[in-house]
PDB file of N, CA and C in Angstrom:
ATOM      1  N   UNK A   1      11.281  19.035  17.603  1.00  0.00           N
ATOM      2  CA  UNK A   1      10.274  17.994  17.569  1.00  0.00           C
ATOM      3  C   UNK A   1       9.269  18.212  16.440  1.00  0.00           C
ATOM      4  N   UNK A   2       8.751  19.416  16.339  1.00  0.00           N
ATOM      5  CA  UNK A   2       7.755  19.686  15.306  1.00  0.00           C
ATOM      6  C   UNK A   2       8.396  19.641  13.926  1.00  0.00           C
ATOM      7  N   UNK A   3       9.645  20.094  13.829  1.00  0.00           N
ATOM      8  CA  UNK A   3      10.346  20.038  12.548  1.00  0.00           C
ATOM      9  C   UNK A   3      10.553  18.611  12.074  1.00  0.00           C
ATOM     10  N   UNK A   4      10.850  17.712  13.014  1.00  0.00           N
ATOM     11  CA  UNK A   4      11.007  16.301  12.657  1.00  0.00           C
ATOM     12  C   UNK A   4       9.683  15.705  12.194  1.00  0.00           C
ATOM     13  N   UNK A   5       8.599  16.084  12.869  1.00  0.00           N
ATOM     14  CA  UNK A   5       7.283  15.579  12.476  1.00  0.00           C
ATOM     15  C   UNK A   5       6.906  16.081  11.086  1.00  0.00           C
ATOM     16  N   UNK A   6       7.210  17.334  10.810  1.00  0.00           N
ATOM     17  CA  UNK A   6       6.900  17.880   9.487  1.00  0.00           C
ATOM     18  C   UNK A   6       7.733  17.215   8.397  1.00  0.00           C
ATOM     19  N   UNK A   7       8.989  16.909   8.701  1.00  0.00           N
ATOM     20  CA  UNK A   7       9.807  16.229   7.694  1.00  0.00           C
ATOM     21  C   UNK A   7       9.307  14.803   7.454  1.00  0.00           C
ATOM     22  N   UNK A   8       8.811  14.135   8.506  1.00  0.00           N
ATOM     23  CA  UNK A   8       8.225  12.804   8.322  1.00  0.00           C
ATOM     24  C   UNK A   8       6.950  12.865   7.480  1.00  0.00           C
ATOM     25  N   UNK A   9       6.143  13.885   7.709  1.00  0.00           N
ATOM     26  CA  UNK A   9       4.918  14.033   6.922  1.00  0.00           C
ATOM     27  C   UNK A   9       5.255  14.349   5.473  1.00  0.00           C
ATOM     28  N   UNK A  10       6.271  15.184   5.248  1.00  0.00           N
ATOM     29  CA  UNK A  10       6.696  15.480   3.876  1.00  0.00           C
ATOM     30  C   UNK A  10       7.222  14.219   3.191  1.00  0.00           C
ATOM     31  N   UNK A  11       7.967  13.410   3.924  1.00  0.00           N
ATOM     32  CA  UNK A  11       8.452  12.145   3.369  1.00  0.00           C
ATOM     33  C   UNK A  11       7.290  11.201   3.067  1.00  0.00           C
ATOM     34  N   UNK A  12       6.297  11.174   3.950  1.00  0.00           N
ATOM     35  CA  UNK A  12       5.120  10.328   3.720  1.00  0.00           C
ATOM     36  C   UNK A  12       4.363  10.766   2.472  1.00  0.00           C
ATOM     37  N   UNK A  13       4.257  12.068   2.259  1.00  0.00           N
ATOM     38  CA  UNK A  13       3.592  12.567   1.053  1.00  0.00           C
ATOM     39  C   UNK A  13       4.385  12.172  -0.183  1.00  0.00           C
ATOM     40  N   UNK A  14       5.705  12.229  -0.099  1.00  0.00           N
ATOM     41  CA  UNK A  14       6.545  11.823  -1.226  1.00  0.00           C
ATOM     42  C   UNK A  14       6.384  10.329  -1.524  1.00  0.00           C
ATOM     43  N   UNK A  15       6.395   9.501  -0.483  1.00  0.00           N
ATOM     44  CA  UNK A  15       6.220   8.054  -0.667  1.00  0.00           C
ATOM     45  C   UNK A  15       4.827   7.757  -1.227  1.00  0.00           C
ATOM     46  N   UNK A  16       3.814   8.478  -0.742  1.00  0.00           N
ATOM     47  CA  UNK A  16       2.458   8.303  -1.253  1.00  0.00           C
ATOM     48  C   UNK A  16       2.371   8.656  -2.730  1.00  0.00           C
ATOM     49  N   UNK A  17       3.015   9.747  -3.125  1.00  0.00           N
ATOM     50  CA  UNK A  17       2.961  10.142  -4.537  1.00  0.00           C
ATOM     51  C   UNK A  17       3.722   9.159  -5.425  1.00  0.00           C
ATOM     52  N   UNK A  18       4.831   8.624  -4.935  1.00  0.00           N
ATOM     53  CA  UNK A  18       5.559   7.600  -5.703  1.00  0.00           C
ATOM     54  C   UNK A  18       4.696   6.348  -5.850  1.00  0.00           C
ATOM     55  N   UNK A  19       4.056   5.928  -4.768  1.00  0.00           N
ATOM     56  CA  UNK A  19       3.178   4.761  -4.828  1.00  0.00           C
ATOM     57  C   UNK A  19       2.004   4.971  -5.768  1.00  0.00           C
ATOM     58  N   UNK A  20       1.424   6.161  -5.745  1.00  0.00           N
ATOM     59  CA  UNK A  20       0.313   6.462  -6.642  1.00  0.00           C
ATOM     60  C   UNK A  20       0.758   6.441  -8.098  1.00  0.00           C
ATOM     61  N   UNK A  21       1.943   6.974  -8.367  1.00  0.00           N
ATOM     62  CA  UNK A  21       2.483   6.949  -9.725  1.00  0.00           C
ATOM     63  C   UNK A  21       2.712   5.515 -10.194  1.00  0.00           C
ATOM     64  N   UNK A  22       3.233   4.681  -9.310  1.00  0.00           N
ATOM     65  CA  UNK A  22       3.462   3.276  -9.667  1.00  0.00           C
ATOM     66  C   UNK A  22       2.135   2.575  -9.950  1.00  0.00           C
ATOM     67  N   UNK A  23       1.114   2.833  -9.129  1.00  0.00           N
ATOM     68  CA  UNK A  23      -0.192   2.192  -9.329  1.00  0.00           C
ATOM     69  C   UNK A  23      -0.815   2.634 -10.648  1.00  0.00           C
ATOM     70  N   UNK A  24      -0.737   3.913 -10.953  1.00  0.00           N
ATOM     71  CA  UNK A  24      -1.334   4.423 -12.191  1.00  0.00           C
ATOM     72  C   UNK A  24      -0.633   3.853 -13.414  1.00  0.00           C
ATOM     73  N   UNK A  25       0.679   3.707 -13.357  1.00  0.00           N
ATOM     74  CA  UNK A  25       1.449   3.251 -14.516  1.00  0.00           C
ATOM     75  C   UNK A  25       1.721   1.753 -14.542  1.00  0.00           C
ATOM     76  N   UNK A  26       1.167   0.996 -13.607  1.00  0.00           N
ATOM     77  CA  UNK A  26       1.477  -0.439 -13.552  1.00  0.00           C
ATOM     78  C   UNK A  26       0.778  -1.186 -14.677  1.00  0.00           C
ATOM     79  N   UNK A  27       1.511  -2.137 -15.244  1.00  0.00           N
ATOM     80  CA  UNK A  27       0.969  -2.969 -16.306  1.00  0.00           C
ATOM     81  C   UNK A  27       0.789  -4.419 -15.847  1.00  0.00           C
ATOM     82  N   UNK A  28       1.304  -4.738 -14.666  1.00  0.00           N
ATOM     83  CA  UNK A  28       1.089  -6.078 -14.132  1.00  0.00           C
ATOM     84  C   UNK A  28       0.762  -5.983 -12.646  1.00  0.00           C
ATOM     85  N   UNK A  29       0.309  -7.099 -12.111  1.00  0.00           N
ATOM     86  CA  UNK A  29      -0.186  -7.102 -10.737  1.00  0.00           C
ATOM     87  C   UNK A  29       0.917  -6.952  -9.697  1.00  0.00           C
ATOM     88  N   UNK A  30       2.130  -7.364 -10.016  1.00  0.00           N
ATOM     89  CA  UNK A  30       3.229  -7.235  -9.057  1.00  0.00           C
ATOM     90  C   UNK A  30       3.555  -5.760  -8.832  1.00  0.00           C
ATOM     91  N   UNK A  31       3.644  -5.003  -9.904  1.00  0.00           N
ATOM     92  CA  UNK A  31       3.900  -3.562  -9.763  1.00  0.00           C
ATOM     93  C   UNK A  31       2.744  -2.869  -9.049  1.00  0.00           C
ATOM     94  N   UNK A  32       1.538  -3.319  -9.330  1.00  0.00           N
ATOM     95  CA  UNK A  32       0.378  -2.768  -8.647  1.00  0.00           C
ATOM     96  C   UNK A  32       0.468  -3.031  -7.145  1.00  0.00           C
ATOM     97  N   UNK A  33       0.871  -4.230  -6.770  1.00  0.00           N
ATOM     98  CA  UNK A  33       1.031  -4.581  -5.362  1.00  0.00           C
ATOM     99  C   UNK A  33       2.121  -3.736  -4.705  1.00  0.00           C
ATOM    100  N   UNK A  34       3.226  -3.534  -5.399  1.00  0.00           N
ATOM    101  CA  UNK A  34       4.310  -2.717  -4.853  1.00  0.00           C
ATOM    102  C   UNK A  34       3.835  -1.283  -4.636  1.00  0.00           C
ATOM    103  N   UNK A  35       3.106  -0.736  -5.598  1.00  0.00           N
ATOM    104  CA  UNK A  35       2.582   0.621  -5.458  1.00  0.00           C
ATOM    105  C   UNK A  35       1.609   0.746  -4.302  1.00  0.00           C
ATOM    106  N   UNK A  36       0.736  -0.244  -4.142  1.00  0.00           N
ATOM    107  CA  UNK A  36      -0.204  -0.218  -3.025  1.00  0.00           C
ATOM    108  C   UNK A  36       0.514  -0.313  -1.685  1.00  0.00           C
ATOM    109  N   UNK A  37       1.553  -1.116  -1.628  1.00  0.00           N
ATOM    110  CA  UNK A  37       2.321  -1.226  -0.385  1.00  0.00           C
ATOM    111  C   UNK A  37       3.051   0.080  -0.071  1.00  0.00           C
ATOM    112  N   UNK A  38       3.556   0.751  -1.094  1.00  0.00           N
ATOM    113  CA  UNK A  38       4.181   2.056  -0.863  1.00  0.00           C
ATOM    114  C   UNK A  38       3.166   3.049  -0.309  1.00  0.00           C
ATOM    115  N   UNK A  39       1.976   3.037  -0.875  1.00  0.00           N
ATOM    116  CA  UNK A  39       0.940   3.946  -0.385  1.00  0.00           C
ATOM    117  C   UNK A  39       0.549   3.606   1.053  1.00  0.00           C
ATOM    118  N   UNK A  40       0.482   2.327   1.361  1.00  0.00           N
ATOM    119  CA  UNK A  40       0.119   1.921   2.716  1.00  0.00           C
ATOM    120  C   UNK A  40       1.233   2.265   3.703  1.00  0.00           C
ATOM    121  N   UNK A  41       2.483   2.152   3.275  1.00  0.00           N
ATOM    122  CA  UNK A  41       3.598   2.485   4.160  1.00  0.00           C
ATOM    123  C   UNK A  41       3.690   3.979   4.437  1.00  0.00           C
ATOM    124  N   UNK A  42       3.140   4.796   3.565  1.00  0.00           N
ATOM    125  CA  UNK A  42       3.110   6.228   3.869  1.00  0.00           C
ATOM    126  C   UNK A  42       2.206   6.506   5.068  1.00  0.00           C
ATOM    127  N   UNK A  43       1.207   5.648   5.276  1.00  0.00           N
ATOM    128  CA  UNK A  43       0.362   5.772   6.467  1.00  0.00           C
ATOM    129  C   UNK A  43       1.183   5.504   7.721  1.00  0.00           C
ATOM    130  N   UNK A  44       2.090   4.528   7.653  1.00  0.00           N
ATOM    131  CA  UNK A  44       2.963   4.255   8.794  1.00  0.00           C
ATOM    132  C   UNK A  44       3.831   5.464   9.129  1.00  0.00           C
ATOM    133  N   UNK A  45       4.333   6.124   8.114  1.00  0.00           N
ATOM    134  CA  UNK A  45       5.176   7.297   8.358  1.00  0.00           C
ATOM    135  C   UNK A  45       4.396   8.423   9.029  1.00  0.00           C
ATOM    136  N   UNK A  46       3.157   8.629   8.624  1.00  0.00           N
ATOM    137  CA  UNK A  46       2.362   9.665   9.289  1.00  0.00           C
ATOM    138  C   UNK A  46       2.032   9.263  10.722  1.00  0.00           C
ATOM    139  N   UNK A  47       1.885   7.969  10.973  1.00  0.00           N
ATOM    140  CA  UNK A  47       1.637   7.515  12.344  1.00  0.00           C
ATOM    141  C   UNK A  47       2.866   7.735  13.215  1.00  0.00           C
ATOM    142  N   UNK A  48       4.049   7.572  12.639  1.00  0.00           N
ATOM    143  CA  UNK A  48       5.277   7.847  13.389  1.00  0.00           C
ATOM    144  C   UNK A  48       5.346   9.328  13.740  1.00  0.00           C
ATOM    145  N   UNK A  49       4.911  10.182  12.824  1.00  0.00           N
ATOM    146  CA  UNK A  49       4.877  11.616  13.125  1.00  0.00           C
ATOM    147  C   UNK A  49       3.863  11.918  14.221  1.00  0.00           C
ATOM    148  N   UNK A  50       2.833  11.095  14.343  1.00  0.00           N
ATOM    149  CA  UNK A  50       1.833  11.283  15.388  1.00  0.00           C
ATOM    150  C   UNK A  50       2.396  10.973  16.775  1.00  0.00           C
ATOM    151  N   UNK A  51       3.475  10.180  16.844  1.00  0.00           N
ATOM    152  CA  UNK A  51       4.102   9.868  18.128  1.00  0.00           C
ATOM    153  C   UNK A  51       4.548  11.121  18.874  1.00  0.00           C
ATOM    154  N   UNK A  52       4.860  12.167  18.153  1.00  0.00           N
ATOM    155  CA  UNK A  52       5.305  13.409  18.792  1.00  0.00           C
ATOM    156  C   UNK A  52       4.186  13.998  19.640  1.00  0.00           C
ATOM    157  N   UNK A  53       2.955  13.888  19.164  1.00  0.00           N
ATOM    158  CA  UNK A  53       1.836  14.538  19.838  1.00  0.00           C
ATOM    159  C   UNK A  53       1.062  13.602  20.761  1.00  0.00           C
ATOM    160  N   UNK A  54       0.763  12.390  20.313  1.00  0.00           N
ATOM    161  CA  UNK A  54      -0.032  11.448  21.098  1.00  0.00           C
ATOM    162  C   UNK A  54       0.561  10.051  20.964  1.00  0.00           C
ATOM    163  N   UNK A  55       1.505   9.690  21.830  1.00  0.00           N
ATOM    164  CA  UNK A  55       2.204   8.418  21.653  1.00  0.00           C
ATOM    165  C   UNK A  55       1.310   7.180  21.776  1.00  0.00           C
ATOM    166  N   UNK A  56       0.354   7.175  22.691  1.00  0.00           N
ATOM    167  CA  UNK A  56      -0.484   5.985  22.867  1.00  0.00           C
ATOM    168  C   UNK A  56      -1.425   5.784  21.680  1.00  0.00           C
ATOM    169  N   UNK A  57      -2.003   6.868  21.210  1.00  0.00           N
ATOM    170  CA  UNK A  57      -2.871   6.780  20.038  1.00  0.00           C
ATOM    171  C   UNK A  57      -2.079   6.335  18.815  1.00  0.00           C
ATOM    172  N   UNK A  58      -0.881   6.848  18.664  1.00  0.00           N
ATOM    173  CA  UNK A  58      -0.043   6.465  17.527  1.00  0.00           C
ATOM    174  C   UNK A  58       0.325   4.988  17.598  1.00  0.00           C
ATOM    175  N   UNK A  59       0.597   4.480  18.794  1.00  0.00           N
ATOM    176  CA  UNK A  59       0.915   3.058  18.936  1.00  0.00           C
ATOM    177  C   UNK A  59      -0.262   2.186  18.505  1.00  0.00           C
ATOM    178  N   UNK A  60      -1.464   2.571  18.908  1.00  0.00           N
ATOM    179  CA  UNK A  60      -2.653   1.811  18.529  1.00  0.00           C
ATOM    180  C   UNK A  60      -2.861   1.857  17.017  1.00  0.00           C
ATOM    181  N   UNK A  61      -2.680   3.037  16.426  1.00  0.00           N
ATOM    182  CA  UNK A  61      -2.842   3.182  14.973  1.00  0.00           C
ATOM    183  C   UNK A  61      -1.821   2.324  14.234  1.00  0.00           C
ATOM    184  N   UNK A  62      -0.573   2.336  14.697  1.00  0.00           N
ATOM    185  CA  UNK A  62       0.466   1.538  14.039  1.00  0.00           C
ATOM    186  C   UNK A  62       0.187   0.045  14.202  1.00  0.00           C
ATOM    187  N   UNK A  63      -0.237  -0.379  15.378  1.00  0.00           N
ATOM    188  CA  UNK A  63      -0.524  -1.805  15.594  1.00  0.00           C
ATOM    189  C   UNK A  63      -1.656  -2.284  14.687  1.00  0.00           C
ATOM    190  N   UNK A  64      -2.721  -1.511  14.603  1.00  0.00           N
ATOM    191  CA  UNK A  64      -3.836  -1.878  13.724  1.00  0.00           C
ATOM    192  C   UNK A  64      -3.405  -1.845  12.265  1.00  0.00           C
ATOM    193  N   UNK A  65      -2.593  -0.863  11.897  1.00  0.00           N
ATOM    194  CA  UNK A  65      -2.133  -0.748  10.510  1.00  0.00           C
ATOM    195  C   UNK A  65      -1.237  -1.915  10.109  1.00  0.00           C
ATOM    196  N   UNK A  66      -0.383  -2.359  11.013  1.00  0.00           N
ATOM    197  CA  UNK A  66       0.496  -3.490  10.704  1.00  0.00           C
ATOM    198  C   UNK A  66      -0.320  -4.764  10.498  1.00  0.00           C
ATOM    199  N   UNK A  67      -1.301  -4.982  11.343  1.00  0.00           N
ATOM    200  CA  UNK A  67      -2.156  -6.164  11.196  1.00  0.00           C
ATOM    201  C   UNK A  67      -2.948  -6.095   9.891  1.00  0.00           C
ATOM    202  N   UNK A  68      -3.509  -4.926   9.596  1.00  0.00           N
ATOM    203  CA  UNK A  68      -4.266  -4.770   8.350  1.00  0.00           C
ATOM    204  C   UNK A  68      -3.365  -4.908   7.131  1.00  0.00           C
ATOM    205  N   UNK A  69      -2.148  -4.396   7.224  1.00  0.00           N
ATOM    206  CA  UNK A  69      -1.212  -4.496   6.104  1.00  0.00           C
ATOM    207  C   UNK A  69      -0.829  -5.944   5.839  1.00  0.00           C
ATOM    208  N   UNK A  70      -0.605  -6.702   6.884  1.00  0.00           N
ATOM    209  CA  UNK A  70      -0.258  -8.115   6.701  1.00  0.00           C
ATOM    210  C   UNK A  70      -1.414  -8.884   6.071  1.00  0.00           C
ATOM    211  N   UNK A  71      -2.626  -8.628   6.533  1.00  0.00           N
ATOM    212  CA  UNK A  71      -3.793  -9.307   5.962  1.00  0.00           C
ATOM    213  C   UNK A  71      -4.010  -8.901   4.510  1.00  0.00           C
ATOM    214  N   UNK A  72      -3.831  -7.626   4.221  1.00  0.00           N
ATOM    215  CA  UNK A  72      -3.994  -7.131   2.850  1.00  0.00           C
ATOM    216  C   UNK A  72      -2.938  -7.722   1.928  1.00  0.00           C
ATOM    217  N   UNK A  73      -1.720  -7.825   2.412  1.00  0.00           N
ATOM    218  CA  UNK A  73      -0.630  -8.372   1.603  1.00  0.00           C
ATOM    219  C   UNK A  73      -0.883  -9.843   1.280  1.00  0.00           C
ATOM    220  N   UNK A  74      -1.321 -10.601   2.267  1.00  0.00           N
ATOM    221  CA  UNK A  74      -1.614 -12.020   2.042  1.00  0.00           C
ATOM    222  C   UNK A  74      -2.763 -12.183   1.049  1.00  0.00           C
ATOM    223  N   UNK A  75      -3.799 -11.352   1.186  1.00  0.00           N
ATOM    224  CA  UNK A  75      -4.933 -11.436   0.259  1.00  0.00           C
ATOM    225  C   UNK A  75      -4.516 -11.092  -1.163  1.00  0.00           C
ATOM    226  N   UNK A  76      -3.688 -10.078  -1.327  1.00  0.00           N
ATOM    227  CA  UNK A  76      -3.253  -9.692  -2.668  1.00  0.00           C
ATOM    228  C   UNK A  76      -2.335 -10.736  -3.294  1.00  0.00           C
ATOM    229  N   UNK A  77      -1.435 -11.297  -2.516  1.00  0.00           N
ATOM    230  CA  UNK A  77      -0.566 -12.349  -3.051  1.00  0.00           C
ATOM    231  C   UNK A  77      -1.398 -13.560  -3.471  1.00  0.00           C
ATOM    232  N   UNK A  78      -2.393 -13.914  -2.661  1.00  0.00           N
ATOM    233  CA  UNK A  78      -3.278 -15.024  -3.014  1.00  0.00           C
ATOM    234  C   UNK A  78      -4.038 -14.728  -4.301  1.00  0.00           C
ATOM    235  N   UNK A  79      -4.522 -13.499  -4.444  1.00  0.00           N
ATOM    236  CA  UNK A  79      -5.242 -13.119  -5.663  1.00  0.00           C
ATOM    237  C   UNK A  79      -4.327 -13.158  -6.878  1.00  0.00           C
ATOM    238  N   UNK A  80      -3.095 -12.706  -6.729  1.00  0.00           N
ATOM    239  CA  UNK A  80      -2.147 -12.725  -7.848  1.00  0.00           C
ATOM    240  C   UNK A  80      -1.838 -14.161  -8.257  1.00  0.00           C
ATOM    241  N   UNK A  81      -1.630 -15.039  -7.291  1.00  0.00           N
ATOM    242  CA  UNK A  81      -1.356 -16.447  -7.608  1.00  0.00           C
ATOM    243  C   UNK A  81      -2.555 -17.081  -8.308  1.00  0.00           C
ATOM    244  N   UNK A  82      -3.760 -16.767  -7.837  1.00  0.00           N
ATOM    245  CA  UNK A  82      -4.963 -17.315  -8.461  1.00  0.00           C
ATOM    246  C   UNK A  82      -5.121 -16.827  -9.898  1.00  0.00           C
ATOM    247  N   UNK A  83      -4.910 -15.534 -10.117  1.00  0.00           N
ATOM    248  CA  UNK A  83      -5.018 -14.982 -11.475  1.00  0.00           C
ATOM    249  C   UNK A  83      -3.958 -15.596 -12.376  1.00  0.00           C
ATOM    250  N   UNK A  84      -2.760 -15.771 -11.860  1.00  0.00           N
ATOM    251  CA  UNK A  84      -1.692 -16.362 -12.669  1.00  0.00           C
ATOM    252  C   UNK A  84      -2.018 -17.807 -13.049  1.00  0.00           C
ATOM    253  N   UNK A  85      -2.597 -18.551 -12.136  1.00  0.00           N
ATOM    254  CA  UNK A  85      -2.958 -19.942 -12.441  1.00  0.00           C
ATOM    255  C   UNK A  85      -4.102 -20.025 -13.447  1.00  0.00           C
ATOM    256  N   UNK A  86      -5.045 -19.094 -13.370  1.00  0.00           N
ATOM    257  CA  UNK A  86      -6.199 -19.143 -14.266  1.00  0.00           C
ATOM    258  C   UNK A  86      -5.877 -18.619 -15.660  1.00  0.00           C
ATOM    259  N   UNK A  87      -5.131 -17.530 -15.739  1.00  0.00           N
ATOM    260  CA  UNK A  87      -4.919 -16.859 -17.021  1.00  0.00           C
ATOM    261  C   UNK A  87      -3.510 -17.009 -17.570  1.00  0.00           C
ATOM    262  N   UNK A  88      -2.597 -17.520 -16.768  1.00  0.00           N
ATOM    263  CA  UNK A  88      -1.183 -17.631 -17.154  1.00  0.00           C
ATOM    264  C   UNK A  88      -0.585 -16.271 -17.495  1.00  0.00           C
ATOM    265  N   UNK A  89      -1.115 -15.226 -16.878  1.00  0.00           N
ATOM    266  CA  UNK A  89      -0.624 -13.871 -17.097  1.00  0.00           C
ATOM    267  C   UNK A  89      -1.010 -13.027 -15.890  1.00  0.00           C
ATOM    268  N   UNK A  90      -0.148 -12.078 -15.534  1.00  0.00           N
ATOM    269  CA  UNK A  90      -0.476 -11.172 -14.439  1.00  0.00           C
ATOM    270  C   UNK A  90      -0.605  -9.739 -14.933  1.00  0.00           C
ATOM    271  N   UNK A  91      -0.840  -9.574 -16.230  1.00  0.00           N
ATOM    272  CA  UNK A  91      -1.044  -8.236 -16.772  1.00  0.00           C
ATOM    273  C   UNK A  91      -2.407  -7.711 -16.344  1.00  0.00           C
ATOM    274  N   UNK A  92      -2.464  -6.417 -16.069  1.00  0.00           N
ATOM    275  CA  UNK A  92      -3.721  -5.825 -15.621  1.00  0.00           C
ATOM    276  C   UNK A  92      -4.724  -5.680 -16.748  1.00  0.00           C
ATOM    277  N   UNK A  93      -4.272  -5.706 -17.991  1.00  0.00           N
ATOM    278  CA  UNK A  93      -5.202  -5.585 -19.119  1.00  0.00           C
ATOM    279  C   UNK A  93      -6.109  -6.800 -19.250  1.00  0.00           C
ATOM    280  N   UNK A  94      -5.655  -7.942 -18.770  1.00  0.00           N
ATOM    281  CA  UNK A  94      -6.456  -9.161 -18.909  1.00  0.00           C
ATOM    282  C   UNK A  94      -7.519  -9.294 -17.830  1.00  0.00           C
ATOM    283  N   UNK A  95      -7.549  -8.370 -16.886  1.00  0.00           N
ATOM    284  CA  UNK A  95      -8.500  -8.443 -15.778  1.00  0.00           C
ATOM    285  C   UNK A  95      -9.525  -7.329 -15.947  1.00  0.00           C
ATOM    286  N   UNK A  96     -10.788  -7.699 -15.944  1.00  0.00           N
ATOM    287  CA  UNK A  96     -11.866  -6.735 -16.076  1.00  0.00           C
ATOM    288  C   UNK A  96     -12.592  -6.612 -14.748  1.00  0.00           C
ATOM    289  N   UNK A  97     -13.420  -5.596 -14.620  1.00  0.00           N
ATOM    290  CA  UNK A  97     -14.143  -5.347 -13.378  1.00  0.00           C
ATOM    291  C   UNK A  97     -15.167  -6.442 -13.120  1.00  0.00           C
ATOM    292  N   UNK A  98     -15.282  -6.846 -11.891  1.00  0.00           N
ATOM    293  CA  UNK A  98     -16.290  -7.810 -11.499  1.00  0.00           C
ATOM    294  C   UNK A  98     -16.033  -9.224 -11.949  1.00  0.00           C
ATOM    295  N   UNK A  99     -14.827  -9.518 -12.406  1.00  0.00           N
ATOM    296  CA  UNK A  99     -14.505 -10.868 -12.827  1.00  0.00           C
ATOM    297  C   UNK A  99     -15.020 -11.226 -14.206  1.00  0.00           C
ATOM    298  N   UNK A 100     -15.370 -10.222 -15.022  1.00  0.00           N
ATOM    299  CA  UNK A 100     -15.832 -10.491 -16.388  1.00  0.00           C
ATOM    300  C   UNK A 100     -14.737 -11.166 -17.185  1.00  0.00           C
ATOM    301  N   UNK A 101     -15.125 -11.915 -18.152  1.00  0.00           N
ATOM    302  CA  UNK A 101     -14.162 -12.598 -19.022  1.00  0.00           C
ATOM    303  C   UNK A 101     -13.884 -11.742 -20.241  1.00  0.00           C
ATOM    304  N   UNK A 102     -12.624 -11.723 -20.641  1.00  0.00           N
ATOM    305  CA  UNK A 102     -12.270 -10.946 -21.836  1.00  0.00           C
ATOM    306  C   UNK A 102     -12.214 -11.822 -23.064  1.00  0.00           C
TER     307      UNK A 102
END
């Protein structure tokens, strides 16, 4: 049981590092979204590992995480569509902090 939990945590760390690498190296918003989703899914994997120790707490964490992930995904897709309509580009270089114009 503990060995399975440790392998899930190791896999979650690997998925998190892949997602972080994708986010750092992304040049457009779609890749950025994919990297963020990978990082968020690593949280799900750690919650699955939590099932070994506290199943009810893990269920609550997973339920809240799924709802938050769906809301975050919808918000990001909406933002990407809005940026694409305004700038005709989804490159991250064209977006500045705070909505400044380039």
